[in-house]
Amino acid sequence: MTTVPVKLCGVFPIGPENYLCAVLLWEERQRFLPVWLPPVGGAQLVGRIAEWEPKRPDTHDVLVELIQQSTTGVSALELTSYYNGVFMGQITMDNGTEIDCRPSDLFILASMLDQPIEVEDLVLNQASIWLSPEDAADYFDIELEDPATLKDHPESASGDAQADADFQQLMRDLGVEEGDLGIDETGE
């Protein structure tokens, strides 16, 4: 499987219940991966992002100390699977040892170890969502470039031009034309 680096944009209270959600940005496709967090793990992550340090070492401090003192380090911090709204994290040590963990712990360790977070491309394709630049700014105070101004990425609904072309051909083969979808010649 291929992994893709993502950026942790922050942790946000969402909905009337104010559940904490870590928002990851898949910059290449300008898609977001929302990861709901347990209350305690979410609060710990918020604190670590704000560079809060406990007066006494907590579990994450102990893990970081153990990694730094006993091993040659971490080679990857990844979200490796997603099923029914549940993500699974994995810490891969430099010696190849893989350790399963909760996403909240993975994000905290990434912050403390200054390591990038990576996500399996299958997970991103399953669970990521698209937000307009306006919604990203309004809801999360995240500034994105307007997709129409991006020169590095061809205009594509899914981010995969070949998949879009294949879908268009499938629709034509089924006898569906753009006019059937209420789209005029200008694409609106």
Protein backbone atom coordinates (compact mmCIF):
# COMPACT_ATOMS: atom_id res chain seq x y z
CA MET A 1 0.00 0.00 0.00
CA THR A 2 1.01 3.57 -0.61
CA THR A 3 0.93 6.20 2.10
CA VAL A 4 0.36 9.91 1.60
CA PRO A 5 1.60 12.67 3.91
CA VAL A 6 -1.13 14.80 5.47
CA LYS A 7 -1.12 17.95 7.54
CA LEU A 8 -2.85 18.14 10.92
CA CYS A 9 -4.81 21.40 10.64
CA GLY A 10 -6.08 21.32 14.19
CA VAL A 11 -8.70 19.93 16.53
CA PHE A 12 -12.15 21.47 16.35
CA PRO A 13 -15.36 21.09 18.38
CA ILE A 14 -18.05 20.04 15.89
CA GLY A 15 -21.82 19.90 16.11
CA PRO A 16 -24.19 20.75 18.93
CA GLU A 17 -22.42 18.25 21.20
CA ASN A 18 -19.01 19.87 20.47
CA TYR A 19 -17.33 16.52 19.85
CA LEU A 20 -13.64 16.97 19.10
CA CYS A 21 -12.53 16.26 15.56
CA ALA A 22 -8.97 16.28 14.25
CA VAL A 23 -8.94 17.69 10.74
CA LEU A 24 -6.20 16.43 8.42
CA LEU A 25 -5.52 18.03 5.04
CA TRP A 26 -4.55 15.94 2.02
CA GLU A 27 -2.87 18.86 0.29
CA GLU A 28 -2.29 17.14 -3.05
CA ARG A 29 -6.04 16.80 -3.64
CA GLN A 30 -7.25 19.51 -1.26
CA ARG A 31 -9.43 17.03 0.59
CA PHE A 32 -9.97 16.75 4.34
CA LEU A 33 -9.95 13.71 6.59
CA PRO A 34 -12.06 14.22 9.74
CA VAL A 35 -11.04 11.95 12.61
CA TRP A 36 -13.35 11.98 15.63
CA LEU A 37 -11.47 11.78 18.91
CA PRO A 38 -12.39 10.51 22.37
CA PRO A 39 -12.83 13.40 24.83
CA VAL A 40 -9.66 12.75 26.84
CA GLY A 41 -7.47 11.99 23.80
CA GLY A 42 -8.82 15.04 22.00
CA ALA A 43 -8.14 17.29 24.99
CA GLN A 44 -4.61 15.89 25.29
CA LEU A 45 -3.97 16.55 21.60
CA VAL A 46 -5.29 20.11 21.89
CA GLY A 47 -2.89 20.66 24.80
CA ARG A 48 0.10 19.19 22.98
CA ILE A 49 -0.59 21.27 19.85
CA ALA A 50 -0.60 24.33 22.12
CA GLU A 51 2.78 23.11 23.48
CA TRP A 52 1.38 22.42 26.94
CA GLU A 53 3.54 20.12 29.03
CA PRO A 54 2.29 18.35 32.14
CA LYS A 55 4.08 18.98 35.43
CA ARG A 56 4.70 15.24 35.71
CA PRO A 57 5.36 12.89 32.78
CA ASP A 58 2.24 11.35 31.28
CA THR A 59 1.98 8.24 29.11
CA HIS A 60 2.99 10.08 25.95
CA ASP A 61 6.08 11.53 27.65
CA VAL A 62 7.04 8.03 28.76
CA LEU A 63 6.54 6.64 25.24
CA VAL A 64 8.67 9.38 23.68
CA GLU A 65 11.40 8.84 26.28
CA LEU A 66 11.29 5.09 25.68
CA ILE A 67 11.55 5.60 21.90
CA GLN A 68 14.44 8.03 22.24
CA GLN A 69 16.37 6.02 24.86
CA SER A 70 15.76 2.44 23.74
CA THR A 71 15.43 2.46 19.98
CA THR A 72 16.89 4.03 16.88
CA GLY A 73 13.63 5.91 16.39
CA VAL A 74 10.36 5.93 14.51
CA SER A 75 10.28 5.56 10.74
CA ALA A 76 6.54 6.19 10.21
CA LEU A 77 3.36 7.28 11.96
CA GLU A 78 0.40 6.18 9.84
CA LEU A 79 -3.34 5.79 9.75
CA THR A 80 -3.53 2.36 8.15
CA SER A 81 -7.17 1.33 8.14
CA TYR A 82 -10.70 2.64 8.36
CA TYR A 83 -13.87 0.66 9.00
CA ASN A 84 -17.31 1.90 10.08
CA GLY A 85 -15.97 5.26 11.22
CA VAL A 86 -13.07 3.79 13.19
CA PHE A 87 -9.47 4.52 12.22
CA MET A 88 -6.46 2.45 13.22
CA GLY A 89 -3.04 4.01 13.72
CA GLN A 90 0.32 2.34 13.40
CA ILE A 91 3.75 3.30 14.70
CA THR A 92 6.54 1.77 12.64
CA MET A 93 9.91 1.68 14.36
CA ASP A 94 13.18 1.99 12.45
CA ASN A 95 13.83 -1.72 13.03
CA GLY A 96 10.53 -2.60 11.29
CA THR A 97 8.48 -3.32 14.42
CA GLU A 98 4.88 -2.20 13.97
CA ILE A 99 2.72 -1.12 16.92
CA ASP A 100 -1.02 -0.48 16.63
CA CYS A 101 -2.39 2.60 18.36
CA ARG A 102 -5.32 4.98 18.54
CA PRO A 103 -5.28 7.96 16.14
CA SER A 104 -5.28 10.43 19.05
CA ASP A 105 -2.08 8.84 20.42
CA LEU A 106 -0.56 8.79 16.93
CA PHE A 107 -1.24 12.51 16.47
CA ILE A 108 0.20 13.37 19.88
CA LEU A 109 3.37 11.37 19.20
CA ALA A 110 3.72 13.00 15.79
CA SER A 111 3.54 16.40 17.48
CA MET A 112 6.02 15.48 20.21
CA LEU A 113 8.49 13.69 17.90
CA ASP A 114 8.09 16.26 15.10
CA GLN A 115 7.25 13.41 12.70
CA PRO A 116 4.94 13.64 9.69
CA ILE A 117 1.61 11.86 9.71
CA GLU A 118 0.90 9.58 6.75
CA VAL A 119 -2.33 7.92 5.69
CA GLU A 120 -2.87 4.89 3.47
CA ASP A 121 -4.22 6.09 0.13
CA LEU A 122 -7.12 3.62 0.38
CA VAL A 123 -8.14 5.20 3.70
CA LEU A 124 -7.99 8.68 2.17
CA ASN A 125 -10.08 7.57 -0.79
CA GLN A 126 -12.67 6.00 1.55
CA ALA A 127 -12.98 8.64 4.24
CA SER A 128 -11.75 12.02 3.00
CA ILE A 129 -14.19 14.76 2.07
CA TRP A 130 -14.01 17.82 -0.14
CA LEU A 131 -14.68 21.28 1.26
CA SER A 132 -14.84 24.44 -0.78
CA PRO A 133 -12.14 27.00 0.05
CA GLU A 134 -14.92 29.20 1.48
CA ASP A 135 -16.20 26.46 3.84
CA ALA A 136 -12.65 25.55 4.93
CA ALA A 137 -12.07 29.21 5.83
CA ASP A 138 -15.48 29.70 7.50
CA TYR A 139 -15.55 26.52 9.59
CA PHE A 140 -11.88 25.82 10.30
CA ASP A 141 -10.03 29.06 9.51
CA ILE A 142 -7.99 27.14 6.91
CA GLU A 143 -6.93 29.02 3.82
CA LEU A 144 -6.92 26.95 0.62
CA GLU A 145 -6.16 27.94 -2.90
CA ASP A 146 -9.15 28.01 -5.21
CA PRO A 147 -8.95 24.71 -7.18
CA ALA A 148 -9.40 26.63 -10.43
CA THR A 149 -6.15 28.52 -9.76
CA LEU A 150 -4.00 25.45 -9.10
CA LYS A 151 -1.56 24.99 -11.96
CA ASP A 152 0.01 21.74 -10.74
CA HIS A 153 -3.24 19.78 -10.77
CA PRO A 154 -5.42 19.38 -13.81
CA GLU A 155 -9.06 20.21 -13.20
CA SER A 156 -10.64 16.98 -12.02
CA ALA A 157 -13.65 16.14 -9.92
CA SER A 158 -11.95 13.27 -8.12
CA GLY A 159 -8.34 14.39 -8.39
CA ASP A 160 -7.66 11.49 -10.76
CA ALA A 161 -8.08 12.60 -14.39
CA GLN A 162 -8.03 9.02 -15.71
CA ALA A 163 -10.75 7.90 -13.28
CA ASP A 164 -12.84 10.90 -14.35
CA ALA A 165 -12.38 10.03 -18.04
CA ASP A 166 -13.31 6.39 -17.35
CA PHE A 167 -16.46 7.52 -15.49
CA GLN A 168 -17.42 9.87 -18.32
CA GLN A 169 -17.05 7.02 -20.81
CA LEU A 170 -19.14 4.71 -18.60
CA MET A 171 -21.91 7.32 -18.44
CA ARG A 172 -21.81 7.75 -22.25
CA ASP A 173 -21.96 3.95 -22.68
CA LEU A 174 -25.06 3.94 -20.46
CA GLY A 175 -26.60 6.62 -22.66
CA VAL A 176 -26.41 9.45 -20.12
CA GLU A 177 -25.52 12.89 -21.51
CA GLU A 178 -24.64 16.03 -19.56
CA GLY A 179 -27.98 17.56 -20.56
CA ASP A 180 -29.73 14.68 -18.76
CA LEU A 181 -28.12 15.89 -15.54
CA GLY A 182 -29.32 19.47 -15.89
CA ILE A 183 -25.88 20.73 -16.93
CA ASP A 184 -25.77 23.24 -19.78
CA GLU A 185 -22.96 23.65 -22.31
CA THR A 186 -21.02 25.97 -19.99
CA GLY A 187 -20.80 23.21 -17.38
CA GLU A 188 -23.22 24.89 -14.95
